[in-house]
């Protein structure tokens, strides 16, 4: 973890004000819609709240336990282009952290 990135479990539109208060400028959602069932907020709902609050937002769903090199490279492109710091989230934060660590190991990140 660096000052450019933070990790979280599932967030919802109601958490966006806290994301802004903590100083994040961008959000990357790595959790596929409906992975947790109908009660899980959709990416569109979270994106709407994030953009209304002035945050950049990227939806990059990744299936748990199935991260591919394509996923890592796509994440690295998002990470390098988005305003920092970035909050990444999935169900628990582990998948997002794994994406970040793999991109770092492959020397794909500009930070």
N, C-alpha and C. Protein backbone atom coordinates (compact mmCIF):
# COMPACT_ATOMS: atom_id res chain seq x y z
N UNK A 1 0.84 -1.18 0.00
CA UNK A 1 0.00 0.00 0.00
C UNK A 1 0.89 1.25 0.00
N UNK A 2 0.48 2.25 -0.72
CA UNK A 2 1.21 3.51 -0.76
C UNK A 2 0.24 4.64 -0.47
N UNK A 3 0.73 5.87 -0.45
CA UNK A 3 -0.18 6.99 -0.23
C UNK A 3 -1.08 7.23 -1.44
N UNK A 4 -0.82 6.53 -2.54
CA UNK A 4 -1.62 6.70 -3.75
C UNK A 4 -2.81 5.76 -3.85
N UNK A 5 -2.90 4.78 -2.96
CA UNK A 5 -3.96 3.78 -3.10
C UNK A 5 -4.41 3.30 -1.72
N UNK A 6 -5.73 3.01 -1.64
CA UNK A 6 -6.31 2.41 -0.44
C UNK A 6 -7.25 1.29 -0.89
N UNK A 7 -7.51 0.37 0.02
CA UNK A 7 -8.34 -0.79 -0.30
C UNK A 7 -9.50 -0.89 0.68
N UNK A 8 -10.64 -1.34 0.19
CA UNK A 8 -11.82 -1.46 1.04
C UNK A 8 -12.67 -2.63 0.58
N UNK A 9 -13.50 -3.10 1.51
CA UNK A 9 -14.55 -4.04 1.15
C UNK A 9 -15.67 -3.28 0.47
N UNK A 10 -16.74 -3.98 0.16
CA UNK A 10 -17.87 -3.39 -0.57
C UNK A 10 -18.29 -2.04 0.02
N UNK A 11 -18.39 -1.06 -0.85
CA UNK A 11 -18.95 0.23 -0.46
C UNK A 11 -20.26 0.43 -1.21
N UNK A 12 -21.04 1.37 -0.74
CA UNK A 12 -22.28 1.72 -1.41
C UNK A 12 -22.32 3.22 -1.65
N UNK A 13 -23.33 3.69 -2.34
CA UNK A 13 -23.45 5.13 -2.60
C UNK A 13 -23.41 5.95 -1.32
N UNK A 14 -23.92 5.39 -0.22
CA UNK A 14 -23.95 6.13 1.04
C UNK A 14 -22.57 6.32 1.66
N UNK A 15 -21.55 5.62 1.16
CA UNK A 15 -20.19 5.74 1.70
C UNK A 15 -19.34 6.77 0.94
N UNK A 16 -19.84 7.28 -0.17
CA UNK A 16 -19.02 8.15 -1.02
C UNK A 16 -18.58 9.42 -0.29
N UNK A 17 -19.41 9.99 0.56
CA UNK A 17 -18.99 11.19 1.27
C UNK A 17 -17.78 10.90 2.16
N UNK A 18 -17.71 9.72 2.75
CA UNK A 18 -16.56 9.33 3.55
C UNK A 18 -15.31 9.15 2.68
N UNK A 19 -15.51 8.63 1.49
CA UNK A 19 -14.39 8.45 0.55
C UNK A 19 -13.79 9.82 0.22
N UNK A 20 -14.66 10.79 -0.04
CA UNK A 20 -14.21 12.15 -0.34
C UNK A 20 -13.51 12.76 0.88
N UNK A 21 -14.11 12.59 2.06
CA UNK A 21 -13.52 13.13 3.29
C UNK A 21 -12.12 12.60 3.55
N UNK A 22 -11.87 11.36 3.15
CA UNK A 22 -10.55 10.75 3.36
C UNK A 22 -9.54 11.20 2.31
N UNK A 23 -10.00 12.01 1.33
CA UNK A 23 -9.09 12.60 0.37
C UNK A 23 -8.90 11.84 -0.93
N UNK A 24 -9.67 10.78 -1.16
CA UNK A 24 -9.54 10.04 -2.41
C UNK A 24 -10.08 10.87 -3.57
N UNK A 25 -9.45 10.72 -4.73
CA UNK A 25 -9.86 11.44 -5.94
C UNK A 25 -10.53 10.52 -6.96
N UNK A 26 -10.30 9.20 -6.81
CA UNK A 26 -10.83 8.22 -7.76
C UNK A 26 -11.24 6.95 -7.03
N UNK A 27 -12.14 6.19 -7.68
CA UNK A 27 -12.60 4.90 -7.16
C UNK A 27 -12.51 3.88 -8.28
N UNK A 28 -11.96 2.69 -7.96
CA UNK A 28 -11.99 1.55 -8.88
C UNK A 28 -12.79 0.45 -8.21
N UNK A 29 -13.85 0.01 -8.87
CA UNK A 29 -14.71 -1.07 -8.39
C UNK A 29 -14.30 -2.36 -9.09
N UNK A 30 -13.79 -3.33 -8.32
CA UNK A 30 -13.37 -4.61 -8.87
C UNK A 30 -14.37 -5.73 -8.62
N UNK A 31 -15.52 -5.41 -8.06
CA UNK A 31 -16.51 -6.45 -7.75
C UNK A 31 -17.58 -6.53 -8.83
N UNK A 32 -17.76 -7.72 -9.43
CA UNK A 32 -18.83 -7.86 -10.43
C UNK A 32 -20.20 -7.57 -9.81
N UNK A 33 -21.06 -6.90 -10.57
CA UNK A 33 -22.43 -6.65 -10.12
C UNK A 33 -23.11 -7.98 -9.79
N UNK A 34 -23.90 -7.95 -8.74
CA UNK A 34 -24.74 -9.07 -8.27
C UNK A 34 -23.94 -10.26 -7.75
N UNK A 35 -22.62 -10.13 -7.59
CA UNK A 35 -21.82 -11.20 -7.02
C UNK A 35 -22.34 -11.55 -5.62
N UNK A 36 -22.77 -10.53 -4.88
CA UNK A 36 -23.28 -10.74 -3.53
C UNK A 36 -24.80 -10.84 -3.47
N UNK A 37 -25.43 -10.95 -4.62
CA UNK A 37 -26.88 -11.04 -4.65
C UNK A 37 -27.53 -9.68 -4.88
N UNK A 38 -28.85 -9.67 -4.84
CA UNK A 38 -29.63 -8.47 -5.17
C UNK A 38 -29.42 -7.32 -4.20
N UNK A 39 -28.97 -7.61 -2.96
CA UNK A 39 -28.78 -6.53 -1.99
C UNK A 39 -27.49 -5.75 -2.23
N UNK A 40 -26.59 -6.27 -3.06
CA UNK A 40 -25.35 -5.56 -3.37
C UNK A 40 -25.64 -4.34 -4.24
N UNK A 41 -25.12 -3.16 -3.88
CA UNK A 41 -25.34 -2.00 -4.75
C UNK A 41 -24.67 -2.22 -6.12
N UNK A 42 -25.30 -1.73 -7.17
CA UNK A 42 -24.72 -1.90 -8.50
C UNK A 42 -23.64 -0.86 -8.76
N UNK A 43 -22.82 -1.17 -9.72
CA UNK A 43 -21.77 -0.23 -10.11
C UNK A 43 -22.37 1.09 -10.56
N UNK A 44 -23.47 1.05 -11.28
CA UNK A 44 -24.11 2.28 -11.77
C UNK A 44 -24.53 3.16 -10.60
N UNK A 45 -25.09 2.58 -9.55
CA UNK A 45 -25.50 3.35 -8.38
C UNK A 45 -24.30 4.02 -7.70
N UNK A 46 -23.22 3.26 -7.55
CA UNK A 46 -22.02 3.79 -6.89
C UNK A 46 -21.36 4.84 -7.78
N UNK A 47 -21.30 4.55 -9.07
CA UNK A 47 -20.69 5.51 -10.00
C UNK A 47 -21.43 6.84 -9.99
N UNK A 48 -22.75 6.80 -9.98
CA UNK A 48 -23.55 8.04 -9.97
C UNK A 48 -23.20 8.88 -8.73
N UNK A 49 -23.14 8.25 -7.57
CA UNK A 49 -22.81 8.96 -6.34
C UNK A 49 -21.37 9.50 -6.39
N UNK A 50 -20.45 8.68 -6.91
CA UNK A 50 -19.04 9.09 -6.98
C UNK A 50 -18.87 10.29 -7.91
N UNK A 51 -19.47 10.22 -9.08
CA UNK A 51 -19.32 11.32 -10.04
C UNK A 51 -20.01 12.60 -9.54
N UNK A 52 -21.15 12.45 -8.86
CA UNK A 52 -21.83 13.60 -8.27
C UNK A 52 -20.94 14.28 -7.24
N UNK A 53 -20.13 13.48 -6.54
CA UNK A 53 -19.22 14.01 -5.51
C UNK A 53 -17.89 14.50 -6.11
N UNK A 54 -17.75 14.40 -7.44
CA UNK A 54 -16.54 14.90 -8.08
C UNK A 54 -15.42 13.90 -8.19
N UNK A 55 -15.71 12.61 -7.96
CA UNK A 55 -14.69 11.58 -8.06
C UNK A 55 -14.67 10.97 -9.45
N UNK A 56 -13.50 10.55 -9.90
CA UNK A 56 -13.40 9.71 -11.09
C UNK A 56 -13.79 8.29 -10.66
N UNK A 57 -14.33 7.51 -11.60
CA UNK A 57 -14.83 6.18 -11.25
C UNK A 57 -14.56 5.22 -12.40
N UNK A 58 -14.06 4.03 -12.07
CA UNK A 58 -13.85 2.98 -13.07
C UNK A 58 -14.45 1.69 -12.54
N UNK A 59 -15.21 1.02 -13.40
CA UNK A 59 -15.76 -0.30 -13.08
C UNK A 59 -14.92 -1.32 -13.82
N UNK A 60 -14.13 -2.10 -13.08
CA UNK A 60 -13.32 -3.16 -13.65
C UNK A 60 -13.58 -4.44 -12.87
N UNK A 61 -14.70 -5.13 -13.19
CA UNK A 61 -15.03 -6.33 -12.43
C UNK A 61 -14.03 -7.45 -12.68
N UNK A 62 -13.63 -8.12 -11.61
CA UNK A 62 -12.69 -9.24 -11.69
C UNK A 62 -13.28 -10.37 -10.85
N UNK A 63 -13.32 -11.57 -11.42
CA UNK A 63 -13.87 -12.72 -10.70
C UNK A 63 -12.87 -13.18 -9.64
N UNK A 64 -13.35 -13.35 -8.43
CA UNK A 64 -12.49 -13.76 -7.32
C UNK A 64 -11.75 -15.05 -7.64
N UNK A 65 -10.44 -15.04 -7.39
CA UNK A 65 -9.62 -16.22 -7.64
C UNK A 65 -9.28 -16.45 -9.10
N UNK A 66 -9.66 -15.54 -9.98
CA UNK A 66 -9.43 -15.73 -11.42
C UNK A 66 -8.81 -14.50 -12.07
N UNK A 67 -7.90 -13.83 -11.38
CA UNK A 67 -7.24 -12.65 -11.94
C UNK A 67 -6.30 -13.09 -13.06
N UNK A 68 -6.44 -12.44 -14.21
CA UNK A 68 -5.61 -12.77 -15.37
C UNK A 68 -4.60 -11.65 -15.61
N UNK A 69 -3.64 -11.92 -16.48
CA UNK A 69 -2.67 -10.88 -16.85
C UNK A 69 -3.38 -9.72 -17.54
N UNK A 70 -4.41 -10.01 -18.31
CA UNK A 70 -5.20 -8.96 -18.96
C UNK A 70 -5.83 -8.05 -17.90
N UNK A 71 -6.36 -8.66 -16.83
CA UNK A 71 -6.94 -7.87 -15.73
C UNK A 71 -5.89 -6.96 -15.11
N UNK A 72 -4.70 -7.50 -14.86
CA UNK A 72 -3.63 -6.73 -14.22
C UNK A 72 -3.20 -5.57 -15.11
N UNK A 73 -3.04 -5.83 -16.39
CA UNK A 73 -2.62 -4.77 -17.31
C UNK A 73 -3.70 -3.69 -17.45
N UNK A 74 -4.97 -4.10 -17.50
CA UNK A 74 -6.07 -3.12 -17.58
C UNK A 74 -6.10 -2.28 -16.31
N UNK A 75 -5.93 -2.93 -15.16
CA UNK A 75 -5.89 -2.18 -13.90
C UNK A 75 -4.74 -1.18 -13.91
N UNK A 76 -3.56 -1.61 -14.32
CA UNK A 76 -2.39 -0.72 -14.33
C UNK A 76 -2.66 0.51 -15.19
N UNK A 77 -3.31 0.32 -16.33
CA UNK A 77 -3.65 1.47 -17.19
C UNK A 77 -4.57 2.43 -16.45
N UNK A 78 -5.59 1.90 -15.78
CA UNK A 78 -6.50 2.76 -15.00
C UNK A 78 -5.72 3.48 -13.90
N UNK A 79 -4.93 2.73 -13.15
CA UNK A 79 -4.18 3.30 -12.04
C UNK A 79 -3.28 4.44 -12.50
N UNK A 80 -2.60 4.23 -13.61
CA UNK A 80 -1.66 5.23 -14.10
C UNK A 80 -2.35 6.49 -14.63
N UNK A 81 -3.60 6.36 -15.08
CA UNK A 81 -4.32 7.49 -15.68
C UNK A 81 -5.20 8.25 -14.70
N UNK A 82 -5.68 7.60 -13.65
CA UNK A 82 -6.63 8.24 -12.73
C UNK A 82 -5.94 9.19 -11.76
N UNK A 83 -6.67 10.24 -11.33
CA UNK A 83 -6.14 11.11 -10.27
C UNK A 83 -5.94 10.30 -8.98
N UNK A 84 -4.87 10.59 -8.28
CA UNK A 84 -4.55 9.89 -7.03
C UNK A 84 -4.92 10.78 -5.85
N UNK A 85 -5.13 10.19 -4.70
CA UNK A 85 -5.16 8.77 -4.38
C UNK A 85 -6.43 8.08 -4.87
N UNK A 86 -6.31 6.77 -5.03
CA UNK A 86 -7.38 5.93 -5.57
C UNK A 86 -7.85 4.97 -4.48
N UNK A 87 -9.17 4.86 -4.30
CA UNK A 87 -9.74 3.82 -3.45
C UNK A 87 -10.19 2.69 -4.35
N UNK A 88 -9.66 1.50 -4.09
CA UNK A 88 -10.07 0.29 -4.82
C UNK A 88 -10.92 -0.55 -3.87
N UNK A 89 -11.99 -1.16 -4.40
CA UNK A 89 -12.79 -2.03 -3.54
C UNK A 89 -13.32 -3.23 -4.29
N UNK A 90 -13.61 -4.27 -3.50
CA UNK A 90 -14.29 -5.48 -3.97
C UNK A 90 -15.08 -6.00 -2.77
N UNK A 91 -15.29 -7.28 -2.65
CA UNK A 91 -16.08 -7.78 -1.52
C UNK A 91 -15.37 -7.54 -0.19
N UNK A 92 -14.07 -7.88 -0.14
CA UNK A 92 -13.30 -7.73 1.11
C UNK A 92 -12.11 -6.79 0.98
N UNK A 93 -11.74 -6.44 -0.25
CA UNK A 93 -10.54 -5.64 -0.50
C UNK A 93 -9.36 -6.47 -0.95
N UNK A 94 -9.42 -7.79 -0.74
CA UNK A 94 -8.29 -8.66 -1.11
C UNK A 94 -8.03 -8.72 -2.61
N UNK A 95 -9.08 -8.85 -3.39
CA UNK A 95 -8.94 -8.93 -4.85
C UNK A 95 -8.29 -7.66 -5.39
N UNK A 96 -8.75 -6.51 -4.88
CA UNK A 96 -8.19 -5.23 -5.31
C UNK A 96 -6.72 -5.14 -4.92
N UNK A 97 -6.40 -5.56 -3.70
CA UNK A 97 -5.01 -5.55 -3.24
C UNK A 97 -4.16 -6.48 -4.10
N UNK A 98 -4.69 -7.65 -4.45
CA UNK A 98 -3.95 -8.58 -5.30
C UNK A 98 -3.66 -7.97 -6.67
N UNK A 99 -4.65 -7.30 -7.25
CA UNK A 99 -4.43 -6.63 -8.55
C UNK A 99 -3.30 -5.62 -8.45
N UNK A 100 -3.33 -4.82 -7.41
CA UNK A 100 -2.31 -3.80 -7.20
C UNK A 100 -0.93 -4.44 -7.02
N UNK A 101 -0.85 -5.46 -6.18
CA UNK A 101 0.44 -6.10 -5.91
C UNK A 101 1.00 -6.77 -7.17
N UNK A 102 0.14 -7.42 -7.94
CA UNK A 102 0.59 -8.06 -9.18
C UNK A 102 1.09 -7.01 -10.18
N UNK A 103 0.37 -5.91 -10.31
CA UNK A 103 0.79 -4.85 -11.24
C UNK A 103 2.13 -4.27 -10.79
N UNK A 104 2.31 -4.14 -9.48
CA UNK A 104 3.57 -3.63 -8.93
C UNK A 104 4.71 -4.61 -9.23
N UNK A 105 4.47 -5.90 -9.00
CA UNK A 105 5.48 -6.92 -9.27
C UNK A 105 5.88 -6.96 -10.75
N UNK A 106 4.91 -6.67 -11.62
CA UNK A 106 5.19 -6.67 -13.07
C UNK A 106 5.76 -5.32 -13.53
N UNK A 107 5.97 -4.40 -12.59
CA UNK A 107 6.54 -3.09 -12.86
C UNK A 107 5.70 -2.30 -13.87
N UNK A 108 4.38 -2.34 -13.66
CA UNK A 108 3.44 -1.66 -14.58
C UNK A 108 2.94 -0.33 -14.05
N UNK A 109 3.25 -0.02 -12.78
CA UNK A 109 2.69 1.19 -12.15
C UNK A 109 3.69 2.35 -12.19
N UNK A 110 3.16 3.53 -12.43
CA UNK A 110 3.99 4.73 -12.51
C UNK A 110 4.37 5.31 -11.15
N UNK A 111 3.76 4.81 -10.05
CA UNK A 111 3.99 5.45 -8.75
C UNK A 111 5.27 5.07 -8.09
